């Protein structure tokens, strides 16, 4: 079976490099899936959940906005942030969500309110990723 070479980059570092079967990402105009031999494409991504398939495995990333480029052989995501499902701490996400909701309700400062709305959106995306991941028993 054909594969794609995936590279996920943020301004700080390379997040992932691996062979995959497909990737589904939140495009600016809607969700898009890239398979091997996809037509060349360069598109805008919005914040959201990325699903990656490789062999029989699925994994998920929470991403910030950015770009996706593919040649049909390689696919590159350049995004503002990216966290693999295993890097997301559910307790911390819930704390951040509650703090953002509290700030939105209490602040009258427009800048603080905007920052809180961004934090709330990131928290909700992280929680979406966690809902898609099978629970591990500890």
Foldseek 3Di string as FASTA:
>chain_A
DAWAWEWEAEPVGTDDTDTFQKKWAAFPVGIDMAGAPDDWDKGKGAFAKMWTHHDHDIWIKGFHIFMWTDHSRYIYTYGNDIDTLVRDDLVVLVVLLVVLVVCCVPDPDPVSVVVSVVSNVSSVRSVVRNVVDDDDDD
